[in-house]
Amino acid sequence: MTYSSLSALRGNSAEEVDLNKGESEDKLGEYVSIPVTASNDKFLVSYVVNFDKNRSSYKSFKSSASNEKYTSFLSSNLWGCYRCSISNLKIINRKTSKSKDLFDEREVIGGFAVPRNKDQNGKPSKNKLDRIFFSKIDSDYNSDEVLSSKDGYRLYISDFDGKSKVALSPEGTDVVSYRVDYEFKKIYIQVKKDSNKNFEFDDGDDVVVLDVSLSEYFEG
């Protein structure tokens, strides 16, 4: 059985978006990273970072974690930057060098990962998953009128055109980690449920594992 594992797709807890006031354009700065991950011969991925101009001008980040099975980047890897967060992902065609945003609007993205589609020996896997995983905050779960990590991150899968984004974990949960099973074309997602109904994801909540089929997304 061949697995590709990834640690939690969780973001920087300092990121907050006020749903009443929003963030004024003159207050927010923005920069785009160099491409940090490649999925295959077709695409590269870079990320867009927003930061508070009044608090930080840093543009520093740690390199992405990688091995022969996947590459990934978490917004918590951003360092020396107060209230920095990933707000979009740019998909770059390696042949044409053209790029497009995965999202039409600014999001609160916890992290992303791209399967490398290689087996344990580093050879191409017969089952290919030509998709990108990402986590993001969907809604103001605790109704405090601020989007933050307290609202929980949901795990998504998307094609590289951004036309088909599908939530793999349900509302009212916070993704902790996941593991892809290439042999059986499924994903195991560890999530924290708000089992005590206090609209928080804390130590009093249950942690469960979801078994979700990915067969429709695989090639081979």
N, C-alpha and C. Protein backbone atom coordinates (compact mmCIF):
# COMPACT_ATOMS: atom_id res chain seq x y z
N MET A 1 0.85 -1.20 0.00
CA MET A 1 0.00 0.00 0.00
C MET A 1 0.88 1.24 0.00
N THR A 2 0.63 2.14 -0.92
CA THR A 2 1.45 3.34 -1.05
C THR A 2 0.69 4.56 -0.55
N TYR A 3 1.29 5.27 0.38
CA TYR A 3 0.66 6.45 0.94
C TYR A 3 1.50 7.69 0.68
N SER A 4 0.85 8.81 0.65
CA SER A 4 1.53 10.09 0.70
C SER A 4 0.94 10.85 1.87
N SER A 5 1.76 11.21 2.83
CA SER A 5 1.24 11.86 4.02
C SER A 5 1.61 13.32 4.03
N LEU A 6 0.84 14.09 4.75
CA LEU A 6 1.10 15.52 4.87
C LEU A 6 0.65 15.98 6.24
N SER A 7 1.43 16.82 6.88
CA SER A 7 1.03 17.36 8.17
C SER A 7 -0.10 18.35 7.98
N ALA A 8 -0.59 18.87 9.08
CA ALA A 8 -1.79 19.70 9.06
C ALA A 8 -1.68 20.88 8.11
N LEU A 9 -2.76 21.12 7.36
CA LEU A 9 -2.83 22.29 6.49
C LEU A 9 -3.46 23.43 7.28
N ARG A 10 -2.70 23.96 8.22
CA ARG A 10 -3.22 25.00 9.10
C ARG A 10 -2.48 26.30 8.85
N GLY A 11 -3.18 27.39 9.01
CA GLY A 11 -2.60 28.68 8.70
C GLY A 11 -2.05 29.41 9.90
N ASN A 12 -1.70 30.65 9.68
CA ASN A 12 -1.17 31.52 10.70
C ASN A 12 -2.33 32.08 11.52
N SER A 13 -2.37 31.76 12.81
CA SER A 13 -3.50 32.17 13.64
C SER A 13 -3.59 33.67 13.81
N ALA A 14 -2.54 34.40 13.42
CA ALA A 14 -2.58 35.86 13.53
C ALA A 14 -3.46 36.50 12.48
N GLU A 15 -3.74 35.78 11.41
CA GLU A 15 -4.55 36.35 10.33
C GLU A 15 -5.99 36.49 10.75
N GLU A 16 -6.54 37.68 10.60
CA GLU A 16 -7.95 37.93 10.88
C GLU A 16 -8.51 38.86 9.82
N VAL A 17 -9.74 38.62 9.42
CA VAL A 17 -10.42 39.48 8.47
C VAL A 17 -11.73 39.92 9.09
N ASP A 18 -11.86 41.21 9.35
CA ASP A 18 -13.08 41.75 9.93
C ASP A 18 -14.16 41.80 8.88
N LEU A 19 -15.27 41.11 9.11
CA LEU A 19 -16.33 41.04 8.11
C LEU A 19 -17.15 42.31 8.03
N ASN A 20 -17.08 43.14 9.06
CA ASN A 20 -17.80 44.41 9.03
C ASN A 20 -17.00 45.48 8.29
N LYS A 21 -15.76 45.67 8.71
CA LYS A 21 -14.96 46.75 8.15
C LYS A 21 -14.16 46.31 6.94
N GLY A 22 -13.84 45.02 6.87
CA GLY A 22 -12.97 44.56 5.81
C GLY A 22 -11.57 45.11 6.01
N GLU A 23 -10.75 45.04 5.03
CA GLU A 23 -9.39 45.58 5.07
C GLU A 23 -9.26 46.60 3.94
N SER A 24 -8.92 47.84 4.28
CA SER A 24 -8.80 48.86 3.27
C SER A 24 -7.62 48.56 2.37
N GLU A 25 -7.75 48.90 1.09
CA GLU A 25 -6.70 48.60 0.12
C GLU A 25 -5.40 49.31 0.44
N ASP A 26 -5.48 50.52 1.03
CA ASP A 26 -4.26 51.25 1.32
C ASP A 26 -3.54 50.70 2.55
N LYS A 27 -4.21 49.86 3.32
CA LYS A 27 -3.60 49.28 4.51
C LYS A 27 -2.89 47.98 4.19
N LEU A 28 -3.38 47.25 3.21
CA LEU A 28 -2.83 45.94 2.89
C LEU A 28 -1.72 46.03 1.85
N GLY A 29 -0.63 45.34 2.12
CA GLY A 29 0.41 45.15 1.13
C GLY A 29 0.27 43.77 0.53
N GLU A 30 0.98 43.52 -0.57
CA GLU A 30 0.85 42.23 -1.23
C GLU A 30 2.14 41.91 -1.97
N TYR A 31 2.53 40.66 -1.95
CA TYR A 31 3.62 40.21 -2.80
C TYR A 31 3.36 38.78 -3.22
N VAL A 32 4.00 38.39 -4.31
CA VAL A 32 3.85 37.05 -4.86
C VAL A 32 5.17 36.32 -4.72
N SER A 33 5.13 35.09 -4.24
CA SER A 33 6.35 34.31 -4.05
C SER A 33 6.87 33.79 -5.39
N ILE A 34 8.12 33.37 -5.39
CA ILE A 34 8.59 32.58 -6.51
C ILE A 34 7.87 31.24 -6.45
N PRO A 35 7.76 30.50 -7.56
CA PRO A 35 7.07 29.21 -7.50
C PRO A 35 7.72 28.29 -6.47
N VAL A 36 6.90 27.72 -5.59
CA VAL A 36 7.44 26.91 -4.50
C VAL A 36 7.19 25.42 -4.68
N THR A 37 6.35 25.04 -5.63
CA THR A 37 6.09 23.62 -5.79
C THR A 37 5.67 23.31 -7.22
N ALA A 38 5.98 22.12 -7.67
CA ALA A 38 5.59 21.66 -9.00
C ALA A 38 4.88 20.33 -8.88
N SER A 39 3.85 20.12 -9.68
CA SER A 39 3.10 18.87 -9.60
C SER A 39 3.58 17.87 -10.64
N ASN A 40 3.87 18.36 -11.81
CA ASN A 40 4.29 17.49 -12.91
C ASN A 40 5.02 18.36 -13.93
N ASP A 41 5.02 17.96 -15.16
CA ASP A 41 5.71 18.75 -16.18
C ASP A 41 4.90 19.95 -16.66
N LYS A 42 3.67 20.09 -16.17
CA LYS A 42 2.79 21.12 -16.71
C LYS A 42 2.75 22.39 -15.88
N PHE A 43 2.68 22.28 -14.55
CA PHE A 43 2.36 23.44 -13.73
C PHE A 43 3.35 23.68 -12.61
N LEU A 44 3.47 24.96 -12.24
CA LEU A 44 4.11 25.40 -11.01
C LEU A 44 3.06 26.14 -10.19
N VAL A 45 3.31 26.26 -8.90
CA VAL A 45 2.38 26.98 -8.02
C VAL A 45 3.16 28.00 -7.22
N SER A 46 2.66 29.23 -7.17
CA SER A 46 3.19 30.23 -6.25
C SER A 46 2.03 30.76 -5.44
N TYR A 47 2.34 31.50 -4.39
CA TYR A 47 1.28 31.98 -3.50
C TYR A 47 1.35 33.49 -3.35
N VAL A 48 0.19 34.08 -3.11
CA VAL A 48 0.07 35.52 -2.90
C VAL A 48 -0.07 35.77 -1.40
N VAL A 49 0.75 36.66 -0.87
CA VAL A 49 0.73 36.96 0.56
C VAL A 49 0.26 38.38 0.78
N ASN A 50 -0.69 38.55 1.68
CA ASN A 50 -1.12 39.87 2.13
C ASN A 50 -0.50 40.16 3.49
N PHE A 51 -0.13 41.41 3.72
CA PHE A 51 0.40 41.78 5.02
C PHE A 51 -0.02 43.20 5.36
N ASP A 52 0.01 43.50 6.66
CA ASP A 52 -0.39 44.80 7.17
C ASP A 52 0.76 45.78 6.96
N LYS A 53 0.57 46.79 6.11
CA LYS A 53 1.63 47.76 5.83
C LYS A 53 2.09 48.50 7.09
N ASN A 54 1.15 48.71 8.02
CA ASN A 54 1.48 49.47 9.22
C ASN A 54 2.29 48.65 10.22
N ARG A 55 2.30 47.33 10.05
CA ARG A 55 2.96 46.48 11.03
C ARG A 55 4.18 45.75 10.48
N SER A 56 4.23 45.56 9.19
CA SER A 56 5.31 44.74 8.66
C SER A 56 5.61 45.07 7.21
N SER A 57 6.86 44.95 6.86
CA SER A 57 7.24 45.05 5.45
C SER A 57 8.09 43.85 5.05
N TYR A 58 8.14 42.85 5.93
CA TYR A 58 8.96 41.68 5.64
C TYR A 58 8.38 40.87 4.49
N LYS A 59 9.26 40.27 3.72
CA LYS A 59 8.84 39.41 2.63
C LYS A 59 9.62 38.09 2.72
N SER A 60 9.77 37.61 3.94
CA SER A 60 10.58 36.43 4.17
C SER A 60 9.71 35.21 4.40
N PHE A 61 10.18 34.05 3.96
CA PHE A 61 9.45 32.82 4.19
C PHE A 61 10.42 31.66 4.17
N LYS A 62 10.04 30.60 4.86
CA LYS A 62 10.84 29.39 4.84
C LYS A 62 10.56 28.63 3.56
N SER A 63 11.50 27.83 3.14
CA SER A 63 11.28 27.02 1.95
C SER A 63 10.24 25.95 2.22
N SER A 64 9.59 25.48 1.17
CA SER A 64 8.54 24.49 1.33
C SER A 64 9.11 23.14 1.71
N ALA A 65 8.33 22.38 2.48
CA ALA A 65 8.71 21.01 2.80
C ALA A 65 8.49 20.14 1.59
N SER A 66 9.35 19.16 1.39
CA SER A 66 9.14 18.32 0.22
C SER A 66 9.80 16.96 0.41
N ASN A 67 9.29 15.97 -0.30
CA ASN A 67 9.97 14.69 -0.46
C ASN A 67 9.57 14.12 -1.80
N GLU A 68 9.81 12.84 -2.04
CA GLU A 68 9.55 12.30 -3.37
C GLU A 68 8.07 12.15 -3.66
N LYS A 69 7.21 12.26 -2.65
CA LYS A 69 5.79 12.00 -2.86
C LYS A 69 4.95 13.28 -2.97
N TYR A 70 5.35 14.37 -2.34
CA TYR A 70 4.53 15.57 -2.37
C TYR A 70 5.38 16.79 -2.07
N THR A 71 4.87 17.94 -2.42
CA THR A 71 5.45 19.19 -1.93
C THR A 71 4.32 19.98 -1.30
N SER A 72 4.65 20.77 -0.32
CA SER A 72 3.60 21.48 0.39
C SER A 72 4.13 22.80 0.94
N PHE A 73 3.21 23.66 1.30
CA PHE A 73 3.57 24.91 1.96
C PHE A 73 2.43 25.30 2.89
N LEU A 74 2.78 25.68 4.11
CA LEU A 74 1.80 26.15 5.08
C LEU A 74 2.00 27.64 5.30
N SER A 75 0.90 28.38 5.49
CA SER A 75 1.06 29.81 5.72
C SER A 75 1.74 30.09 7.05
N SER A 76 1.74 29.11 7.96
CA SER A 76 2.48 29.28 9.21
C SER A 76 3.99 29.27 8.97
N ASN A 77 4.43 28.89 7.76
CA ASN A 77 5.85 28.95 7.42
C ASN A 77 6.32 30.38 7.16
N LEU A 78 5.39 31.30 6.99
CA LEU A 78 5.75 32.70 6.82
C LEU A 78 6.32 33.20 8.14
N TRP A 79 7.46 33.87 8.11
CA TRP A 79 8.08 34.27 9.37
C TRP A 79 8.53 35.72 9.28
N GLY A 80 8.70 36.34 10.46
CA GLY A 80 9.12 37.73 10.52
C GLY A 80 8.08 38.67 9.94
N CYS A 81 6.85 38.25 9.91
CA CYS A 81 5.82 39.03 9.23
C CYS A 81 4.54 39.03 10.06
N TYR A 82 4.24 40.15 10.68
CA TYR A 82 3.05 40.24 11.51
C TYR A 82 1.80 40.28 10.65
N ARG A 83 0.86 39.41 10.95
CA ARG A 83 -0.42 39.34 10.24
C ARG A 83 -0.24 39.08 8.74
N CYS A 84 0.69 38.23 8.39
CA CYS A 84 0.81 37.80 7.01
C CYS A 84 -0.05 36.56 6.79
N SER A 85 -0.56 36.40 5.61
CA SER A 85 -1.34 35.21 5.30
C SER A 85 -1.35 34.97 3.79
N ILE A 86 -1.58 33.71 3.42
CA ILE A 86 -1.76 33.38 2.01
C ILE A 86 -3.19 33.75 1.62
N SER A 87 -3.33 34.56 0.58
CA SER A 87 -4.66 35.02 0.17
C SER A 87 -5.07 34.48 -1.20
N ASN A 88 -4.12 33.92 -1.96
CA ASN A 88 -4.46 33.34 -3.26
C ASN A 88 -3.32 32.43 -3.70
N LEU A 89 -3.61 31.59 -4.67
CA LEU A 89 -2.60 30.73 -5.27
C LEU A 89 -2.55 31.01 -6.76
N LYS A 90 -1.35 31.10 -7.30
CA LYS A 90 -1.18 31.33 -8.73
C LYS A 90 -0.69 30.04 -9.40
N ILE A 91 -1.40 29.62 -10.42
CA ILE A 91 -1.04 28.43 -11.18
C ILE A 91 -0.31 28.88 -12.44
N ILE A 92 0.91 28.40 -12.62
CA ILE A 92 1.76 28.84 -13.72
C ILE A 92 1.98 27.69 -14.70
N ASN A 93 1.63 27.93 -15.96
CA ASN A 93 1.89 26.95 -17.01
C ASN A 93 3.38 26.98 -17.35
N ARG A 94 4.06 25.88 -17.15
CA ARG A 94 5.51 25.86 -17.33
C ARG A 94 5.92 26.05 -18.79
N LYS A 95 5.07 25.66 -19.72
CA LYS A 95 5.40 25.77 -21.14
C LYS A 95 5.21 27.19 -21.64
N THR A 96 4.08 27.82 -21.27
CA THR A 96 3.76 29.15 -21.78
C THR A 96 4.16 30.28 -20.83
N SER A 97 4.44 29.93 -19.57
CA SER A 97 4.75 30.90 -18.50
C SER A 97 3.55 31.77 -18.14
N LYS A 98 2.38 31.45 -18.66
CA LYS A 98 1.18 32.19 -18.30
C LYS A 98 0.69 31.71 -16.94
N SER A 99 0.11 32.65 -16.17
CA SER A 99 -0.38 32.30 -14.84
C SER A 99 -1.81 32.77 -14.67
N LYS A 100 -2.50 32.15 -13.74
CA LYS A 100 -3.86 32.55 -13.40
C LYS A 100 -4.07 32.31 -11.92
N ASP A 101 -4.95 33.13 -11.32
CA ASP A 101 -5.30 32.96 -9.92
C ASP A 101 -6.25 31.79 -9.76
N LEU A 102 -6.04 31.02 -8.72
CA LEU A 102 -6.95 29.91 -8.45
C LEU A 102 -8.29 30.42 -7.92
N PHE A 103 -8.26 31.57 -7.22
CA PHE A 103 -9.47 32.15 -6.64
C PHE A 103 -9.75 33.51 -7.25
N ASP A 104 -11.02 33.85 -7.36
CA ASP A 104 -11.42 35.15 -7.91
C ASP A 104 -11.29 36.26 -6.87
N GLU A 105 -11.37 35.89 -5.58
CA GLU A 105 -11.29 36.88 -4.51
C GLU A 105 -10.26 36.44 -3.47
N ARG A 106 -9.90 37.37 -2.60
CA ARG A 106 -8.95 37.07 -1.52
C ARG A 106 -9.56 36.07 -0.55
N GLU A 107 -8.79 35.05 -0.19
CA GLU A 107 -9.23 34.02 0.73
C GLU A 107 -8.29 33.97 1.94
N VAL A 108 -8.69 33.23 2.97
CA VAL A 108 -7.82 32.95 4.10
C VAL A 108 -7.39 31.49 3.96
N ILE A 109 -6.21 31.28 3.39
CA ILE A 109 -5.74 29.95 3.03
C ILE A 109 -4.74 29.46 4.07
N GLY A 110 -4.98 28.26 4.57
CA GLY A 110 -4.09 27.70 5.59
C GLY A 110 -2.84 27.09 5.01
N GLY A 111 -2.94 26.52 3.83
CA GLY A 111 -1.80 25.88 3.19
C GLY A 111 -2.24 25.13 1.95
N PHE A 112 -1.28 24.57 1.24
CA PHE A 112 -1.62 23.83 0.03
C PHE A 112 -0.59 22.74 -0.20
N ALA A 113 -0.95 21.76 -1.00
CA ALA A 113 -0.04 20.65 -1.31
C ALA A 113 -0.37 20.11 -2.68
N VAL A 114 0.66 19.64 -3.38
CA VAL A 114 0.50 19.07 -4.71
C VAL A 114 1.13 17.69 -4.74
N PRO A 115 0.36 16.64 -5.05
CA PRO A 115 0.94 15.30 -5.14
C PRO A 115 2.01 15.22 -6.22
N ARG A 116 3.08 14.51 -5.92
CA ARG A 116 4.15 14.33 -6.90
C ARG A 116 3.95 13.08 -7.75
N ASN A 117 2.97 12.24 -7.36
CA ASN A 117 2.62 11.05 -8.14
C ASN A 117 3.80 10.12 -8.37
N LYS A 118 4.53 9.85 -7.29
CA LYS A 118 5.65 8.91 -7.36
C LYS A 118 5.50 7.85 -6.28
N ASP A 119 5.98 6.65 -6.57
CA ASP A 119 5.86 5.57 -5.61
C ASP A 119 7.00 5.62 -4.60
N GLN A 120 7.07 4.59 -3.76
CA GLN A 120 8.06 4.58 -2.69
C GLN A 120 9.50 4.55 -3.21
N ASN A 121 9.68 4.11 -4.45
CA ASN A 121 11.01 4.06 -5.05
C ASN A 121 11.34 5.30 -5.87
N GLY A 122 10.44 6.29 -5.82
CA GLY A 122 10.67 7.51 -6.57
C GLY A 122 10.33 7.41 -8.03
N LYS A 123 9.68 6.32 -8.43
CA LYS A 123 9.28 6.14 -9.81
C LYS A 123 7.84 6.59 -10.01
N PRO A 124 7.46 7.01 -11.22
CA PRO A 124 6.09 7.47 -11.47
C PRO A 124 5.06 6.42 -11.06
N SER A 125 4.04 6.85 -10.34
CA SER A 125 2.96 5.96 -9.93
C SER A 125 2.01 5.73 -11.09
N LYS A 126 1.46 4.52 -11.19
CA LYS A 126 0.50 4.25 -12.26
C LYS A 126 -0.82 4.98 -12.02
N ASN A 127 -1.12 5.27 -10.76
CA ASN A 127 -2.30 6.05 -10.41
C ASN A 127 -1.89 7.49 -10.18
N LYS A 128 -2.34 8.40 -11.02
CA LYS A 128 -1.93 9.80 -10.94
C LYS A 128 -3.08 10.67 -10.43
N LEU A 129 -2.73 11.58 -9.54
CA LEU A 129 -3.69 12.52 -8.99
C LEU A 129 -3.27 13.92 -9.41
N ASP A 130 -3.78 14.39 -10.53
CA ASP A 130 -3.38 15.67 -11.11
C ASP A 130 -4.26 16.78 -10.55
N ARG A 131 -4.11 17.03 -9.26
CA ARG A 131 -4.93 17.99 -8.54
C ARG A 131 -4.07 18.74 -7.53
N ILE A 132 -4.67 19.75 -6.91
CA ILE A 132 -4.03 20.48 -5.83
C ILE A 132 -4.94 20.42 -4.60
N PHE A 133 -4.36 20.19 -3.44
CA PHE A 133 -5.08 20.24 -2.17
C PHE A 133 -4.82 21.60 -1.52
N PHE A 134 -5.82 22.13 -0.84
CA PHE A 134 -5.61 23.34 -0.05
C PHE A 134 -6.62 23.37 1.09
N SER A 135 -6.30 24.12 2.12
CA SER A 135 -7.25 24.34 3.21
C SER A 135 -7.56 25.82 3.28
N LYS A 136 -8.80 26.14 3.62
CA LYS A 136 -9.18 27.54 3.76
C LYS A 136 -10.34 27.68 4.73
N ILE A 137 -10.52 28.88 5.22
CA ILE A 137 -11.64 29.18 6.11
C ILE A 137 -12.83 29.56 5.25
N ASP A 138 -13.92 28.85 5.45
CA ASP A 138 -15.11 29.04 4.62
C ASP A 138 -16.09 30.06 5.17
N SER A 139 -16.26 30.07 6.50
CA SER A 139 -17.34 30.86 7.08
C SER A 139 -16.98 31.30 8.49
N ASP A 140 -17.75 32.26 8.98
CA ASP A 140 -17.58 32.77 10.34
C ASP A 140 -18.29 31.81 11.30
N TYR A 141 -17.65 30.68 11.58
CA TYR A 141 -18.30 29.61 12.33
C TYR A 141 -18.72 30.04 13.73
N ASN A 142 -17.90 30.84 14.41
CA ASN A 142 -18.23 31.24 15.78
C ASN A 142 -19.00 32.56 15.85
N SER A 143 -19.36 33.11 14.69
CA SER A 143 -20.22 34.31 14.59
C SER A 143 -19.66 35.51 15.35
N ASP A 144 -18.33 35.67 15.32
CA ASP A 144 -17.74 36.85 15.97
C ASP A 144 -17.43 37.95 14.97
N GLU A 145 -17.91 37.78 13.74
CA GLU A 145 -17.76 38.74 12.65
C GLU A 145 -16.31 38.94 12.23
N VAL A 146 -15.49 37.96 12.54
CA VAL A 146 -14.09 37.97 12.12
C VAL A 146 -13.72 36.57 11.62
N LEU A 147 -13.13 36.50 10.43
CA LEU A 147 -12.63 35.22 9.94
C LEU A 147 -11.22 34.99 10.50
N SER A 148 -11.05 33.92 11.24
CA SER A 148 -9.74 33.60 11.82
C SER A 148 -9.63 32.10 11.95
N SER A 149 -8.47 31.63 12.42
CA SER A 149 -8.26 30.20 12.57
C SER A 149 -9.23 29.58 13.58
N LYS A 150 -9.86 30.41 14.40
CA LYS A 150 -10.85 29.89 15.35
C LYS A 150 -12.07 29.32 14.64
N ASP A 151 -12.27 29.72 13.39
CA ASP A 151 -13.43 29.25 12.63
C ASP A 151 -13.19 27.89 11.98
N GLY A 152 -11.96 27.42 11.99
CA GLY A 152 -11.65 26.10 11.44
C GLY A 152 -11.37 26.12 9.95
N TYR A 153 -10.47 25.26 9.53
CA TYR A 153 -10.10 25.13 8.12
C TYR A 153 -10.73 23.87 7.52
N ARG A 154 -11.25 24.00 6.31
CA ARG A 154 -11.77 22.85 5.56
C ARG A 154 -10.77 22.46 4.48
N LEU A 155 -10.69 21.17 4.22
CA LEU A 155 -9.79 20.67 3.19
C LEU A 155 -10.52 20.57 1.86
N TYR A 156 -9.86 21.03 0.79
CA TYR A 156 -10.43 21.04 -0.56
C TYR A 156 -9.50 20.33 -1.53
N ILE A 157 -10.09 19.89 -2.63
CA ILE A 157 -9.33 19.41 -3.78
C ILE A 157 -9.80 20.21 -5.00
N SER A 158 -8.88 20.55 -5.89
CA SER A 158 -9.24 21.38 -7.04
C SER A 158 -8.41 20.97 -8.25
N ASP A 159 -8.97 21.19 -9.44
CA ASP A 159 -8.16 21.09 -10.65
C ASP A 159 -7.32 22.36 -10.76
N PHE A 160 -6.38 22.37 -11.69
CA PHE A 160 -5.48 23.51 -11.79
C PHE A 160 -6.10 24.69 -12.53
N ASP A 161 -7.27 24.52 -13.10
CA ASP A 161 -8.00 25.63 -13.69
C ASP A 161 -8.82 26.38 -12.65
N GLY A 162 -9.02 25.77 -11.50
CA GLY A 162 -9.82 26.38 -10.46
C GLY A 162 -11.31 26.32 -10.73
N LYS A 163 -11.70 25.53 -11.72
CA LYS A 163 -13.12 25.45 -12.08
C LYS A 163 -13.88 24.44 -11.23
N SER A 164 -13.17 23.50 -10.66
CA SER A 164 -13.81 22.45 -9.87
C SER A 164 -13.15 22.35 -8.51
N LYS A 165 -13.66 23.11 -7.55
CA LYS A 165 -13.16 23.07 -6.17
C LYS A 165 -14.18 22.31 -5.33
N VAL A 166 -13.76 21.24 -4.71
CA VAL A 166 -14.67 20.38 -3.96
C VAL A 166 -14.18 20.25 -2.52
N ALA A 167 -15.07 20.54 -1.56
CA ALA A 167 -14.73 20.38 -0.15
C ALA A 167 -14.70 18.90 0.21
N LEU A 168 -13.62 18.46 0.83
CA LEU A 168 -13.49 17.07 1.25
C LEU A 168 -13.85 16.87 2.71
N SER A 169 -13.78 17.91 3.50
CA SER A 169 -14.17 17.84 4.91
C SER A 169 -15.39 18.71 5.13
N PRO A 170 -16.28 18.32 6.05
CA PRO A 170 -17.55 19.02 6.22
C PRO A 170 -17.44 20.32 7.02
N GLU A 171 -18.49 21.11 6.96
CA GLU A 171 -18.58 22.32 7.78
C GLU A 171 -18.60 21.93 9.25
N GLY A 172 -18.16 22.84 10.10
CA GLY A 172 -18.16 22.56 11.53
C GLY A 172 -17.03 21.65 11.96
N THR A 173 -16.00 21.54 11.13
CA THR A 173 -14.81 20.76 11.48
C THR A 173 -13.56 21.57 11.17
N ASP A 174 -12.45 21.15 11.75
CA ASP A 174 -11.15 21.80 11.53
C ASP A 174 -10.16 20.72 11.12
N VAL A 175 -9.61 20.81 9.91
CA VAL A 175 -8.72 19.76 9.42
C VAL A 175 -7.42 19.74 10.23
N VAL A 176 -7.01 18.56 10.63
CA VAL A 176 -5.78 18.37 11.40
C VAL A 176 -4.67 17.82 10.51
N SER A 177 -4.97 16.77 9.76
CA SER A 177 -4.00 16.17 8.86
C SER A 177 -4.73 15.28 7.87
N TYR A 178 -3.99 14.79 6.87
CA TYR A 178 -4.61 13.82 5.96
C TYR A 178 -3.56 12.89 5.38
N ARG A 179 -4.03 11.81 4.78
CA ARG A 179 -3.15 10.84 4.14
C ARG A 179 -3.85 10.30 2.90
N VAL A 180 -3.15 10.34 1.78
CA VAL A 180 -3.70 9.85 0.51
C VAL A 180 -3.25 8.41 0.29
N ASP A 181 -4.20 7.55 -0.04
CA ASP A 181 -3.92 6.15 -0.38
C ASP A 181 -4.02 6.01 -1.90
N TYR A 182 -2.86 5.97 -2.57
CA TYR A 182 -2.84 5.92 -4.03
C TYR A 182 -3.34 4.58 -4.56
N GLU A 183 -3.10 3.52 -3.81
CA GLU A 183 -3.49 2.19 -4.29
C GLU A 183 -5.00 2.05 -4.37
N PHE A 184 -5.70 2.53 -3.33
CA PHE A 184 -7.16 2.40 -3.28
C PHE A 184 -7.88 3.70 -3.63
N LYS A 185 -7.13 4.70 -4.05
CA LYS A 185 -7.70 5.95 -4.56
C LYS A 185 -8.66 6.59 -3.56
N LYS A 186 -8.17 6.80 -2.36
CA LYS A 186 -8.98 7.43 -1.33
C LYS A 186 -8.11 8.31 -0.46
N ILE A 187 -8.75 9.08 0.41
CA ILE A 187 -8.04 9.95 1.32
C ILE A 187 -8.61 9.78 2.72
N TYR A 188 -7.73 9.74 3.71
CA TYR A 188 -8.13 9.70 5.11
C TYR A 188 -7.86 11.08 5.69
N ILE A 189 -8.89 11.71 6.21
CA ILE A 189 -8.77 13.08 6.72
C ILE A 189 -9.04 13.09 8.22
N GLN A 190 -8.08 13.54 8.99
CA GLN A 190 -8.26 13.69 10.43
C GLN A 190 -8.78 15.10 10.71
N VAL A 191 -9.94 15.18 11.34
CA VAL A 191 -10.55 16.48 11.63
C VAL A 191 -10.95 16.55 13.10
N LYS A 192 -11.02 17.77 13.58
CA LYS A 192 -11.55 18.02 14.92
C LYS A 192 -12.98 18.52 14.76
N LYS A 193 -13.92 17.86 15.46
CA LYS A 193 -15.33 18.24 15.42
C LYS A 193 -15.66 19.09 16.64
N ASP A 194 -16.56 20.04 16.46
CA ASP A 194 -17.03 20.84 17.59
C ASP A 194 -18.06 20.02 18.36
N SER A 195 -17.59 18.95 18.99
CA SER A 195 -18.50 18.01 19.63
C SER A 195 -19.16 18.55 20.89
N ASN A 196 -18.52 19.52 21.56
CA ASN A 196 -19.14 20.11 22.75
C ASN A 196 -19.99 21.33 22.43
N LYS A 197 -20.11 21.64 21.13
CA LYS A 197 -21.02 22.69 20.65
C LYS A 197 -20.76 24.06 21.28
N ASN A 198 -19.49 24.38 21.52
CA ASN A 198 -19.18 25.71 22.06
C ASN A 198 -18.65 26.65 20.99
N PHE A 199 -18.76 26.23 19.72
CA PHE A 199 -18.33 27.02 18.57
C PHE A 199 -16.84 27.35 18.61
N GLU A 200 -16.08 26.42 19.17
CA GLU A 200 -14.63 26.51 19.17
C GLU A 200 -14.06 25.13 18.88
N PHE A 201 -12.83 25.09 18.41
CA PHE A 201 -12.15 23.82 18.19
C PHE A 201 -11.04 23.73 19.23
N ASP A 202 -11.33 23.00 20.32
CA ASP A 202 -10.44 22.98 21.47
C ASP A 202 -10.18 21.55 21.93
N ASP A 203 -9.52 21.42 23.08
CA ASP A 203 -9.15 20.10 23.59
C ASP A 203 -10.35 19.28 24.01
N GLY A 204 -11.50 19.92 24.20
CA GLY A 204 -12.69 19.18 24.60
C GLY A 204 -13.43 18.55 23.43
N ASP A 205 -12.95 18.74 22.23
CA ASP A 205 -13.63 18.23 21.03
C ASP A 205 -13.07 16.87 20.61
N ASP A 206 -13.92 16.12 19.91
CA ASP A 206 -13.51 14.82 19.38
C ASP A 206 -12.67 15.00 18.12
N VAL A 207 -11.71 14.11 17.94
CA VAL A 207 -10.93 14.04 16.71
C VAL A 207 -11.28 12.74 16.01
N VAL A 208 -11.75 12.83 14.78
CA VAL A 208 -12.20 11.66 14.04
C VAL A 208 -11.47 11.59 12.70
N VAL A 209 -11.54 10.42 12.07
CA VAL A 209 -10.93 10.22 10.76
C VAL A 209 -12.01 9.93 9.73
N LEU A 210 -12.02 10.70 8.66
CA LEU A 210 -12.97 10.52 7.57
C LEU A 210 -12.33 9.72 6.45
N ASP A 211 -13.09 8.83 5.85
CA ASP A 211 -12.63 8.00 4.73
C ASP A 211 -13.38 8.47 3.49
N VAL A 212 -12.68 9.16 2.57
CA VAL A 212 -13.33 9.79 1.42
C VAL A 212 -12.72 9.24 0.12
N SER A 213 -13.57 8.82 -0.78
CA SER A 213 -13.10 8.31 -2.07
C SER A 213 -12.62 9.44 -2.97
N LEU A 214 -11.51 9.19 -3.66
CA LEU A 214 -10.98 10.14 -4.64
C LEU A 214 -10.93 9.52 -6.03
N SER A 215 -11.62 8.42 -6.22
CA SER A 215 -11.51 7.65 -7.46
C SER A 215 -11.85 8.48 -8.70
N GLU A 216 -12.77 9.42 -8.59
CA GLU A 216 -13.16 10.21 -9.75
C GLU A 216 -12.08 11.20 -10.18
N TYR A 217 -11.09 11.45 -9.31
CA TYR A 217 -10.04 12.42 -9.62
C TYR A 217 -8.76 11.76 -10.13
N PHE A 218 -8.65 10.47 -9.98
CA PHE A 218 -7.43 9.76 -10.37
C PHE A 218 -7.42 9.43 -11.86
N GLU A 219 -6.22 9.36 -12.40
CA GLU A 219 -6.00 8.84 -13.74
C GLU A 219 -5.19 7.56 -13.62
N GLY A 220 -5.60 6.54 -14.35
CA GLY A 220 -4.89 5.27 -14.28
C GLY A 220 -5.60 4.26 -13.39
